[in-house]
mmCIF file of all heavy atoms, coordinates in Angstrom:
data_MODEL
# 
_entry.id   MODEL 
# 
loop_
_atom_site.group_PDB 
_atom_site.id 
_atom_site.type_symbol 
_atom_site.label_atom_id 
_atom_site.label_alt_id 
_atom_site.label_comp_id 
_atom_site.label_asym_id 
_atom_site.label_entity_id 
_atom_site.label_seq_id 
_atom_site.pdbx_PDB_ins_code 
_atom_site.Cartn_x 
_atom_site.Cartn_y 
_atom_site.Cartn_z 
_atom_site.occupancy 
_atom_site.B_iso_or_equiv 
_atom_site.pdbx_formal_charge 
_atom_site.auth_seq_id 
_atom_site.auth_comp_id 
_atom_site.auth_asym_id 
_atom_site.auth_atom_id 
_atom_site.pdbx_PDB_model_num 
ATOM 1   N N   . ARG A 1 1  ? 0.807   -1.186  -0.006 1.00 0.00 ? 1  ARG A N   1 
ATOM 2   C CA  . ARG A 1 1  ? 0.005   -0.007  0.012  1.00 0.00 ? 1  ARG A CA  1 
ATOM 3   C C   . ARG A 1 1  ? 0.890   1.236   0.004  1.00 0.00 ? 1  ARG A C   1 
ATOM 4   O O   . ARG A 1 1  ? 1.870   1.243   0.673  1.00 0.00 ? 1  ARG A O   1 
ATOM 5   C CB  . ARG A 1 1  ? -0.919  0.025   1.241  1.00 0.00 ? 1  ARG A CB  1 
ATOM 6   C CG  . ARG A 1 1  ? -1.763  1.240   1.220  1.00 0.00 ? 1  ARG A CG  1 
ATOM 7   C CD  . ARG A 1 1  ? -2.753  1.252   2.278  1.00 0.00 ? 1  ARG A CD  1 
ATOM 8   N NE  . ARG A 1 1  ? -3.595  2.440   2.000  1.00 0.00 ? 1  ARG A NE  1 
ATOM 9   C CZ  . ARG A 1 1  ? -4.451  2.973   2.751  1.00 0.00 ? 1  ARG A CZ  1 
ATOM 10  N NH1 . ARG A 1 1  ? -4.632  2.405   3.912  1.00 0.00 ? 1  ARG A NH1 1 
ATOM 11  N NH2 . ARG A 1 1  ? -5.129  3.996   2.407  1.00 0.00 ? 1  ARG A NH2 1 
ATOM 12  N N   . PRO A 1 2  ? 0.586   2.256   -0.650 1.00 0.00 ? 2  PRO A N   1 
ATOM 13  C CA  . PRO A 1 2  ? -0.647  2.591   -1.399 1.00 0.00 ? 2  PRO A CA  1 
ATOM 14  C C   . PRO A 1 2  ? -0.555  2.280   -2.888 1.00 0.00 ? 2  PRO A C   1 
ATOM 15  O O   . PRO A 1 2  ? -1.499  2.475   -3.610 1.00 0.00 ? 2  PRO A O   1 
ATOM 16  C CB  . PRO A 1 2  ? -0.774  4.079   -1.194 1.00 0.00 ? 2  PRO A CB  1 
ATOM 17  C CG  . PRO A 1 2  ? 0.665   4.564   -1.212 1.00 0.00 ? 2  PRO A CG  1 
ATOM 18  C CD  . PRO A 1 2  ? 1.448   3.466   -0.504 1.00 0.00 ? 2  PRO A CD  1 
ATOM 19  N N   . HIS A 1 3  ? 0.594   1.788   -3.361 1.00 0.00 ? 3  HIS A N   1 
ATOM 20  C CA  . HIS A 1 3  ? 0.784   1.685   -4.797 1.00 0.00 ? 3  HIS A CA  1 
ATOM 21  C C   . HIS A 1 3  ? -0.035  0.641   -5.487 1.00 0.00 ? 3  HIS A C   1 
ATOM 22  O O   . HIS A 1 3  ? -1.011  0.952   -6.116 1.00 0.00 ? 3  HIS A O   1 
ATOM 23  C CB  . HIS A 1 3  ? 2.289   1.507   -5.097 1.00 0.00 ? 3  HIS A CB  1 
ATOM 24  C CG  . HIS A 1 3  ? 3.114   2.623   -4.455 1.00 0.00 ? 3  HIS A CG  1 
ATOM 25  N ND1 . HIS A 1 3  ? 3.017   3.901   -4.904 1.00 0.00 ? 3  HIS A ND1 1 
ATOM 26  C CD2 . HIS A 1 3  ? 3.964   2.617   -3.430 1.00 0.00 ? 3  HIS A CD2 1 
ATOM 27  C CE1 . HIS A 1 3  ? 3.817   4.643   -4.173 1.00 0.00 ? 3  HIS A CE1 1 
ATOM 28  N NE2 . HIS A 1 3  ? 4.402   3.922   -3.253 1.00 0.00 ? 3  HIS A NE2 1 
ATOM 29  N N   . ILE A 1 4  ? 0.323   -0.623  -5.368 1.00 0.00 ? 4  ILE A N   1 
ATOM 30  C CA  . ILE A 1 4  ? -0.391  -1.638  -6.150 1.00 0.00 ? 4  ILE A CA  1 
ATOM 31  C C   . ILE A 1 4  ? -1.399  -2.445  -5.329 1.00 0.00 ? 4  ILE A C   1 
ATOM 32  O O   . ILE A 1 4  ? -2.340  -2.922  -5.887 1.00 0.00 ? 4  ILE A O   1 
ATOM 33  C CB  . ILE A 1 4  ? 0.570   -2.563  -6.900 1.00 0.00 ? 4  ILE A CB  1 
ATOM 34  C CG1 . ILE A 1 4  ? 1.439   -3.345  -5.940 1.00 0.00 ? 4  ILE A CG1 1 
ATOM 35  C CG2 . ILE A 1 4  ? 1.400   -1.802  -7.901 1.00 0.00 ? 4  ILE A CG2 1 
ATOM 36  C CD1 . ILE A 1 4  ? 2.297   -4.348  -6.601 1.00 0.00 ? 4  ILE A CD1 1 
ATOM 37  N N   . GLY A 1 5  ? -1.181  -2.551  -4.076 1.00 0.00 ? 5  GLY A N   1 
ATOM 38  C CA  . GLY A 1 5  ? -2.141  -3.208  -3.194 1.00 0.00 ? 5  GLY A CA  1 
ATOM 39  C C   . GLY A 1 5  ? -2.136  -4.742  -3.248 1.00 0.00 ? 5  GLY A C   1 
ATOM 40  O O   . GLY A 1 5  ? -1.710  -5.380  -4.218 1.00 0.00 ? 5  GLY A O   1 
ATOM 41  N N   . ALA A 1 6  ? -2.633  -5.334  -2.182 1.00 0.00 ? 6  ALA A N   1 
ATOM 42  C CA  . ALA A 1 6  ? -2.765  -6.786  -2.073 1.00 0.00 ? 6  ALA A CA  1 
ATOM 43  C C   . ALA A 1 6  ? -4.158  -7.203  -2.622 1.00 0.00 ? 6  ALA A C   1 
ATOM 44  O O   . ALA A 1 6  ? -5.041  -6.381  -2.728 1.00 0.00 ? 6  ALA A O   1 
ATOM 45  C CB  . ALA A 1 6  ? -2.617  -7.232  -0.621 1.00 0.00 ? 6  ALA A CB  1 
ATOM 46  N N   . ARG A 1 7  ? -4.291  -8.493  -2.942 1.00 0.00 ? 7  ARG A N   1 
ATOM 47  C CA  . ARG A 1 7  ? -5.542  -9.011  -3.502 1.00 0.00 ? 7  ARG A CA  1 
ATOM 48  C C   . ARG A 1 7  ? -5.951  -10.263 -2.741 1.00 0.00 ? 7  ARG A C   1 
ATOM 49  O O   . ARG A 1 7  ? -5.109  -11.072 -2.400 1.00 0.00 ? 7  ARG A O   1 
ATOM 50  C CB  . ARG A 1 7  ? -5.384  -9.321  -4.981 1.00 0.00 ? 7  ARG A CB  1 
ATOM 51  C CG  . ARG A 1 7  ? -5.084  -8.146  -5.832 1.00 0.00 ? 7  ARG A CG  1 
ATOM 52  C CD  . ARG A 1 7  ? -4.700  -8.461  -7.225 1.00 0.00 ? 7  ARG A CD  1 
ATOM 53  N NE  . ARG A 1 7  ? -5.087  -9.747  -7.769 1.00 0.00 ? 7  ARG A NE  1 
ATOM 54  C CZ  . ARG A 1 7  ? -5.640  -9.952  -8.904 1.00 0.00 ? 7  ARG A CZ  1 
ATOM 55  N NH1 . ARG A 1 7  ? -5.873  -8.940  -9.743 1.00 0.00 ? 7  ARG A NH1 1 
ATOM 56  N NH2 . ARG A 1 7  ? -5.985  -11.173 -9.321 1.00 0.00 ? 7  ARG A NH2 1 
ATOM 57  N N   . LEU A 1 8  ? -7.268  -10.358 -2.532 1.00 0.00 ? 8  LEU A N   1 
ATOM 58  C CA  . LEU A 1 8  ? -7.835  -11.522 -1.872 1.00 0.00 ? 8  LEU A CA  1 
ATOM 59  C C   . LEU A 1 8  ? -8.858  -12.174 -2.791 1.00 0.00 ? 8  LEU A C   1 
ATOM 60  O O   . LEU A 1 8  ? -9.758  -11.511 -3.291 1.00 0.00 ? 8  LEU A O   1 
ATOM 61  C CB  . LEU A 1 8  ? -8.517  -11.083 -0.567 1.00 0.00 ? 8  LEU A CB  1 
ATOM 62  C CG  . LEU A 1 8  ? -9.203  -12.178 0.219  1.00 0.00 ? 8  LEU A CG  1 
ATOM 63  C CD1 . LEU A 1 8  ? -8.175  -13.127 0.831  1.00 0.00 ? 8  LEU A CD1 1 
ATOM 64  C CD2 . LEU A 1 8  ? -10.025 -11.551 1.345  1.00 0.00 ? 8  LEU A CD2 1 
ATOM 65  N N   . MET A 1 9  ? -8.723  -13.490 -2.972 1.00 0.00 ? 9  MET A N   1 
ATOM 66  C CA  . MET A 1 9  ? -9.674  -14.184 -3.815 1.00 0.00 ? 9  MET A CA  1 
ATOM 67  C C   . MET A 1 9  ? -10.877 -14.598 -3.001 1.00 0.00 ? 9  MET A C   1 
ATOM 68  O O   . MET A 1 9  ? -10.745 -15.195 -1.917 1.00 0.00 ? 9  MET A O   1 
ATOM 69  C CB  . MET A 1 9  ? -9.068  -15.456 -4.485 1.00 0.00 ? 9  MET A CB  1 
ATOM 70  C CG  . MET A 1 9  ? -10.066 -16.122 -5.413 1.00 0.00 ? 9  MET A CG  1 
ATOM 71  S SD  . MET A 1 9  ? -9.446  -17.638 -6.173 1.00 0.00 ? 9  MET A SD  1 
ATOM 72  C CE  . MET A 1 9  ? -8.424  -16.956 -7.447 1.00 0.00 ? 9  MET A CE  1 
ATOM 73  N N   . LEU A 1 10 ? -12.076 -14.249 -3.506 1.00 0.00 ? 10 LEU A N   1 
ATOM 74  C CA  . LEU A 1 10 ? -13.329 -14.644 -2.847 1.00 0.00 ? 10 LEU A CA  1 
ATOM 75  C C   . LEU A 1 10 ? -13.748 -16.008 -3.294 1.00 0.00 ? 10 LEU A C   1 
ATOM 76  O O   . LEU A 1 10 ? -13.310 -16.519 -4.324 1.00 0.00 ? 10 LEU A O   1 
ATOM 77  C CB  . LEU A 1 10 ? -14.399 -13.593 -3.217 1.00 0.00 ? 10 LEU A CB  1 
ATOM 78  C CG  . LEU A 1 10 ? -14.123 -12.146 -2.754 1.00 0.00 ? 10 LEU A CG  1 
ATOM 79  C CD1 . LEU A 1 10 ? -15.190 -11.226 -3.255 1.00 0.00 ? 10 LEU A CD1 1 
ATOM 80  C CD2 . LEU A 1 10 ? -14.095 -12.119 -1.207 1.00 0.00 ? 10 LEU A CD2 1 
ATOM 81  N N   . PRO A 1 11 ? -14.719 -16.632 -2.601 1.00 0.00 ? 11 PRO A N   1 
ATOM 82  C CA  . PRO A 1 11 ? -15.189 -17.947 -3.018 1.00 0.00 ? 11 PRO A CA  1 
ATOM 83  C C   . PRO A 1 11 ? -15.757 -17.944 -4.437 1.00 0.00 ? 11 PRO A C   1 
ATOM 84  O O   . PRO A 1 11 ? -15.687 -18.956 -5.143 1.00 0.00 ? 11 PRO A O   1 
ATOM 85  C CB  . PRO A 1 11 ? -16.309 -18.250 -1.997 1.00 0.00 ? 11 PRO A CB  1 
ATOM 86  C CG  . PRO A 1 11 ? -15.956 -17.431 -0.798 1.00 0.00 ? 11 PRO A CG  1 
ATOM 87  C CD  . PRO A 1 11 ? -15.252 -16.213 -1.332 1.00 0.00 ? 11 PRO A CD  1 
ATOM 88  N N   . SER A 1 12 ? -16.241 -16.813 -4.907 1.00 0.00 ? 12 SER A N   1 
ATOM 89  C CA  . SER A 1 12 ? -16.804 -16.689 -6.255 1.00 0.00 ? 12 SER A CA  1 
ATOM 90  C C   . SER A 1 12 ? -15.723 -16.676 -7.352 1.00 0.00 ? 12 SER A C   1 
ATOM 91  O O   . SER A 1 12 ? -16.022 -16.765 -8.527 1.00 0.00 ? 12 SER A O   1 
ATOM 92  C CB  . SER A 1 12 ? -17.640 -15.418 -6.379 1.00 0.00 ? 12 SER A CB  1 
ATOM 93  O OG  . SER A 1 12 ? -16.788 -14.306 -6.237 1.00 0.00 ? 12 SER A OG  1 
ATOM 94  N N   . GLY A 1 13 ? -14.457 -16.530 -6.941 1.00 0.00 ? 13 GLY A N   1 
ATOM 95  C CA  . GLY A 1 13 ? -13.369 -16.448 -7.888 1.00 0.00 ? 13 GLY A CA  1 
ATOM 96  C C   . GLY A 1 13 ? -12.970 -15.022 -8.204 1.00 0.00 ? 13 GLY A C   1 
ATOM 97  O O   . GLY A 1 13 ? -11.988 -14.776 -8.864 1.00 0.00 ? 13 GLY A O   1 
ATOM 98  N N   . GLU A 1 14 ? -13.754 -14.055 -7.741 1.00 0.00 ? 14 GLU A N   1 
ATOM 99  C CA  . GLU A 1 14 ? -13.451 -12.630 -7.903 1.00 0.00 ? 14 GLU A CA  1 
ATOM 100 C C   . GLU A 1 14 ? -12.341 -12.241 -6.948 1.00 0.00 ? 14 GLU A C   1 
ATOM 101 O O   . GLU A 1 14 ? -12.130 -12.872 -5.928 1.00 0.00 ? 14 GLU A O   1 
ATOM 102 C CB  . GLU A 1 14 ? -14.663 -11.781 -7.451 1.00 0.00 ? 14 GLU A CB  1 
ATOM 103 C CG  . GLU A 1 14 ? -15.653 -11.402 -8.518 1.00 0.00 ? 14 GLU A CG  1 
ATOM 104 C CD  . GLU A 1 14 ? -16.675 -10.474 -7.918 1.00 0.00 ? 14 GLU A CD  1 
ATOM 105 O OE1 . GLU A 1 14 ? -17.611 -10.944 -7.235 1.00 0.00 ? 14 GLU A OE1 1 
ATOM 106 O OE2 . GLU A 1 14 ? -16.506 -9.234  -8.106 1.00 0.00 ? 14 GLU A OE2 1 
ATOM 107 N N   . PHE A 1 15 ? -11.612 -11.165 -7.296 1.00 0.00 ? 15 PHE A N   1 
ATOM 108 C CA  . PHE A 1 15 ? -10.612 -10.642 -6.428 1.00 0.00 ? 15 PHE A CA  1 
ATOM 109 C C   . PHE A 1 15 ? -11.075 -9.329  -5.818 1.00 0.00 ? 15 PHE A C   1 
ATOM 110 O O   . PHE A 1 15 ? -11.714 -8.507  -6.465 1.00 0.00 ? 15 PHE A O   1 
ATOM 111 C CB  . PHE A 1 15 ? -9.306  -10.403 -7.185 1.00 0.00 ? 15 PHE A CB  1 
ATOM 112 C CG  . PHE A 1 15 ? -8.520  -11.626 -7.374 1.00 0.00 ? 15 PHE A CG  1 
ATOM 113 C CD1 . PHE A 1 15 ? -8.513  -12.312 -8.593 1.00 0.00 ? 15 PHE A CD1 1 
ATOM 114 C CD2 . PHE A 1 15 ? -7.680  -12.127 -6.349 1.00 0.00 ? 15 PHE A CD2 1 
ATOM 115 C CE1 . PHE A 1 15 ? -7.761  -13.452 -8.812 1.00 0.00 ? 15 PHE A CE1 1 
ATOM 116 C CE2 . PHE A 1 15 ? -6.911  -13.259 -6.564 1.00 0.00 ? 15 PHE A CE2 1 
ATOM 117 C CZ  . PHE A 1 15 ? -6.982  -13.904 -7.788 1.00 0.00 ? 15 PHE A CZ  1 
ATOM 118 N N   . LEU A 1 16 ? -10.712 -9.106  -4.558 1.00 0.00 ? 16 LEU A N   1 
ATOM 119 C CA  . LEU A 1 16 ? -10.884 -7.844  -3.876 1.00 0.00 ? 16 LEU A CA  1 
ATOM 120 C C   . LEU A 1 16 ? -9.523  -7.256  -3.635 1.00 0.00 ? 16 LEU A C   1 
ATOM 121 O O   . LEU A 1 16 ? -8.613  -7.955  -3.225 1.00 0.00 ? 16 LEU A O   1 
ATOM 122 C CB  . LEU A 1 16 ? -11.535 -8.059  -2.496 1.00 0.00 ? 16 LEU A CB  1 
ATOM 123 C CG  . LEU A 1 16 ? -13.043 -8.192  -2.360 1.00 0.00 ? 16 LEU A CG  1 
ATOM 124 C CD1 . LEU A 1 16 ? -13.378 -8.322  -0.909 1.00 0.00 ? 16 LEU A CD1 1 
ATOM 125 C CD2 . LEU A 1 16 ? -13.738 -7.035  -2.990 1.00 0.00 ? 16 LEU A CD2 1 
ATOM 126 N N   . GLY A 1 17 ? -9.390  -5.981  -3.919 1.00 0.00 ? 17 GLY A N   1 
ATOM 127 C CA  . GLY A 1 17 ? -8.170  -5.272  -3.524 1.00 0.00 ? 17 GLY A CA  1 
ATOM 128 C C   . GLY A 1 17 ? -8.281  -4.973  -2.029 1.00 0.00 ? 17 GLY A C   1 
ATOM 129 O O   . GLY A 1 17 ? -9.300  -4.449  -1.577 1.00 0.00 ? 17 GLY A O   1 
ATOM 130 N N   . VAL A 1 18 ? -7.301  -5.378  -1.255 1.00 0.00 ? 18 VAL A N   1 
ATOM 131 C CA  . VAL A 1 18 ? -7.343  -5.134  0.216  1.00 0.00 ? 18 VAL A CA  1 
ATOM 132 C C   . VAL A 1 18 ? -6.377  -3.998  0.521  1.00 0.00 ? 18 VAL A C   1 
ATOM 133 O O   . VAL A 1 18 ? -5.198  -4.061  0.258  1.00 0.00 ? 18 VAL A O   1 
ATOM 134 C CB  . VAL A 1 18 ? -6.942  -6.419  0.956  1.00 0.00 ? 18 VAL A CB  1 
ATOM 135 C CG1 . VAL A 1 18 ? -6.977  -6.138  2.473  1.00 0.00 ? 18 VAL A CG1 1 
ATOM 136 C CG2 . VAL A 1 18 ? -7.830  -7.561  0.597  1.00 0.00 ? 18 VAL A CG2 1 
ATOM 137 N N   . ARG A 1 19 ? -6.951  -2.933  1.073  1.00 0.00 ? 19 ARG A N   1 
ATOM 138 C CA  . ARG A 1 19 ? -6.168  -1.726  1.383  1.00 0.00 ? 19 ARG A CA  1 
ATOM 139 C C   . ARG A 1 19 ? -5.731  -1.668  2.845  1.00 0.00 ? 19 ARG A C   1 
ATOM 140 O O   . ARG A 1 19 ? -4.663  -1.193  3.166  1.00 0.00 ? 19 ARG A O   1 
ATOM 141 C CB  . ARG A 1 19 ? -6.994  -0.448  1.100  1.00 0.00 ? 19 ARG A CB  1 
ATOM 142 C CG  . ARG A 1 19 ? -7.480  -0.431  -0.367 1.00 0.00 ? 19 ARG A CG  1 
ATOM 143 C CD  . ARG A 1 19 ? -6.399  -0.457  -1.350 1.00 0.00 ? 19 ARG A CD  1 
ATOM 144 N NE  . ARG A 1 19 ? -5.793  0.862   -1.450 1.00 0.00 ? 19 ARG A NE  1 
ATOM 145 C CZ  . ARG A 1 19 ? -4.703  1.155   -2.066 1.00 0.00 ? 19 ARG A CZ  1 
ATOM 146 N NH1 . ARG A 1 19 ? -4.030  0.231   -2.704 1.00 0.00 ? 19 ARG A NH1 1 
ATOM 147 N NH2 . ARG A 1 19 ? -4.215  2.367   -2.112 1.00 0.00 ? 19 ARG A NH2 1 
ATOM 148 N N   . GLU A 1 20 ? -6.601  -2.186  3.768  1.00 0.00 ? 20 GLU A N   1 
ATOM 149 C CA  . GLU A 1 20 ? -6.239  -2.196  5.209  1.00 0.00 ? 20 GLU A CA  1 
ATOM 150 C C   . GLU A 1 20 ? -6.848  -3.428  5.842  1.00 0.00 ? 20 GLU A C   1 
ATOM 151 O O   . GLU A 1 20 ? -7.948  -3.858  5.477  1.00 0.00 ? 20 GLU A O   1 
ATOM 152 C CB  . GLU A 1 20 ? -6.834  -0.966  5.894  1.00 0.00 ? 20 GLU A CB  1 
ATOM 153 C CG  . GLU A 1 20 ? -6.185  0.319   5.498  1.00 0.00 ? 20 GLU A CG  1 
ATOM 154 C CD  . GLU A 1 20 ? -6.842  1.538   6.160  1.00 0.00 ? 20 GLU A CD  1 
ATOM 155 O OE1 . GLU A 1 20 ? -7.668  1.385   7.121  1.00 0.00 ? 20 GLU A OE1 1 
ATOM 156 O OE2 . GLU A 1 20 ? -6.528  2.648   5.735  1.00 0.00 ? 20 GLU A OE2 1 
ATOM 157 N N   . GLY A 1 21 ? -6.152  -3.983  6.804  1.00 0.00 ? 21 GLY A N   1 
ATOM 158 C CA  . GLY A 1 21 ? -6.635  -5.103  7.532  1.00 0.00 ? 21 GLY A CA  1 
ATOM 159 C C   . GLY A 1 21 ? -5.893  -5.239  8.851  1.00 0.00 ? 21 GLY A C   1 
ATOM 160 O O   . GLY A 1 21 ? -4.780  -4.782  8.982  1.00 0.00 ? 21 GLY A O   1 
ATOM 161 N N   . LEU A 1 22 ? -6.543  -5.830  9.806  1.00 0.00 ? 22 LEU A N   1 
ATOM 162 C CA  . LEU A 1 22 ? -5.976  -6.006  11.136 1.00 0.00 ? 22 LEU A CA  1 
ATOM 163 C C   . LEU A 1 22 ? -6.048  -7.489  11.518 1.00 0.00 ? 22 LEU A C   1 
ATOM 164 O O   . LEU A 1 22 ? -7.073  -8.127  11.214 1.00 0.00 ? 22 LEU A O   1 
ATOM 165 C CB  . LEU A 1 22 ? -6.727  -5.178  12.181 1.00 0.00 ? 22 LEU A CB  1 
ATOM 166 C CG  . LEU A 1 22 ? -6.761  -3.651  11.906 1.00 0.00 ? 22 LEU A CG  1 
ATOM 167 C CD1 . LEU A 1 22 ? -7.743  -3.000  12.809 1.00 0.00 ? 22 LEU A CD1 1 
ATOM 168 C CD2 . LEU A 1 22 ? -5.353  -3.096  12.118 1.00 0.00 ? 22 LEU A CD2 1 
ATOM 169 N N   . VAL A 1 23 ? -5.070  -7.965  12.199 1.00 0.00 ? 23 VAL A N   1 
ATOM 170 C CA  . VAL A 1 23 ? -5.110  -9.347  12.656 1.00 0.00 ? 23 VAL A CA  1 
ATOM 171 C C   . VAL A 1 23 ? -6.198  -9.514  13.695 1.00 0.00 ? 23 VAL A C   1 
ATOM 172 O O   . VAL A 1 23 ? -6.313  -8.706  14.597 1.00 0.00 ? 23 VAL A O   1 
ATOM 173 C CB  . VAL A 1 23 ? -3.744  -9.787  13.230 1.00 0.00 ? 23 VAL A CB  1 
ATOM 174 C CG1 . VAL A 1 23 ? -3.810  -11.180 13.834 1.00 0.00 ? 23 VAL A CG1 1 
ATOM 175 C CG2 . VAL A 1 23 ? -2.648  -9.715  12.165 1.00 0.00 ? 23 VAL A CG2 1 
ATOM 176 N N   . ALA A 1 24 ? -7.056  -10.492 13.502 1.00 0.00 ? 24 ALA A N   1 
ATOM 177 C CA  . ALA A 1 24 ? -8.129  -10.789 14.446 1.00 0.00 ? 24 ALA A CA  1 
ATOM 178 C C   . ALA A 1 24 ? -7.864  -12.198 14.971 1.00 0.00 ? 24 ALA A C   1 
ATOM 179 O O   . ALA A 1 24 ? -6.970  -12.904 14.502 1.00 0.00 ? 24 ALA A O   1 
ATOM 180 C CB  . ALA A 1 24 ? -9.483  -10.735 13.711 1.00 0.00 ? 24 ALA A CB  1 
ATOM 181 N N   . ASP A 1 25 ? -8.701  -12.667 15.899 1.00 0.00 ? 25 ASP A N   1 
ATOM 182 C CA  . ASP A 1 25 ? -8.423  -13.974 16.497 1.00 0.00 ? 25 ASP A CA  1 
ATOM 183 C C   . ASP A 1 25 ? -9.577  -14.957 16.461 1.00 0.00 ? 25 ASP A C   1 
ATOM 184 O O   . ASP A 1 25 ? -9.668  -15.810 17.315 1.00 0.00 ? 25 ASP A O   1 
ATOM 185 C CB  . ASP A 1 25 ? -7.954  -13.767 17.920 1.00 0.00 ? 25 ASP A CB  1 
ATOM 186 C CG  . ASP A 1 25 ? -7.370  -15.048 18.527 1.00 0.00 ? 25 ASP A CG  1 
ATOM 187 O OD1 . ASP A 1 25 ? -6.833  -15.851 17.759 1.00 0.00 ? 25 ASP A OD1 1 
ATOM 188 O OD2 . ASP A 1 25 ? -7.474  -15.223 19.749 1.00 0.00 ? 25 ASP A OD2 1 
ATOM 189 N N   . PRO A 1 26 ? -10.490 -14.915 15.498 1.00 0.00 ? 26 PRO A N   1 
ATOM 190 C CA  . PRO A 1 26 ? -11.485 -15.980 15.476 1.00 0.00 ? 26 PRO A CA  1 
ATOM 191 C C   . PRO A 1 26 ? -10.864 -17.272 15.052 1.00 0.00 ? 26 PRO A C   1 
ATOM 192 O O   . PRO A 1 26 ? -9.977  -17.268 14.191 1.00 0.00 ? 26 PRO A O   1 
ATOM 193 C CB  . PRO A 1 26 ? -12.527 -15.486 14.492 1.00 0.00 ? 26 PRO A CB  1 
ATOM 194 C CG  . PRO A 1 26 ? -12.036 -14.210 13.925 1.00 0.00 ? 26 PRO A CG  1 
ATOM 195 C CD  . PRO A 1 26 ? -10.742 -13.904 14.511 1.00 0.00 ? 26 PRO A CD  1 
# 
């Protein structure tokens, strides 16, 4: 971030660009 960003694949096969995230504990 902020340039190219990370990507997350959804179950549908689509990608989401992820700009911010925090470690959670579920």
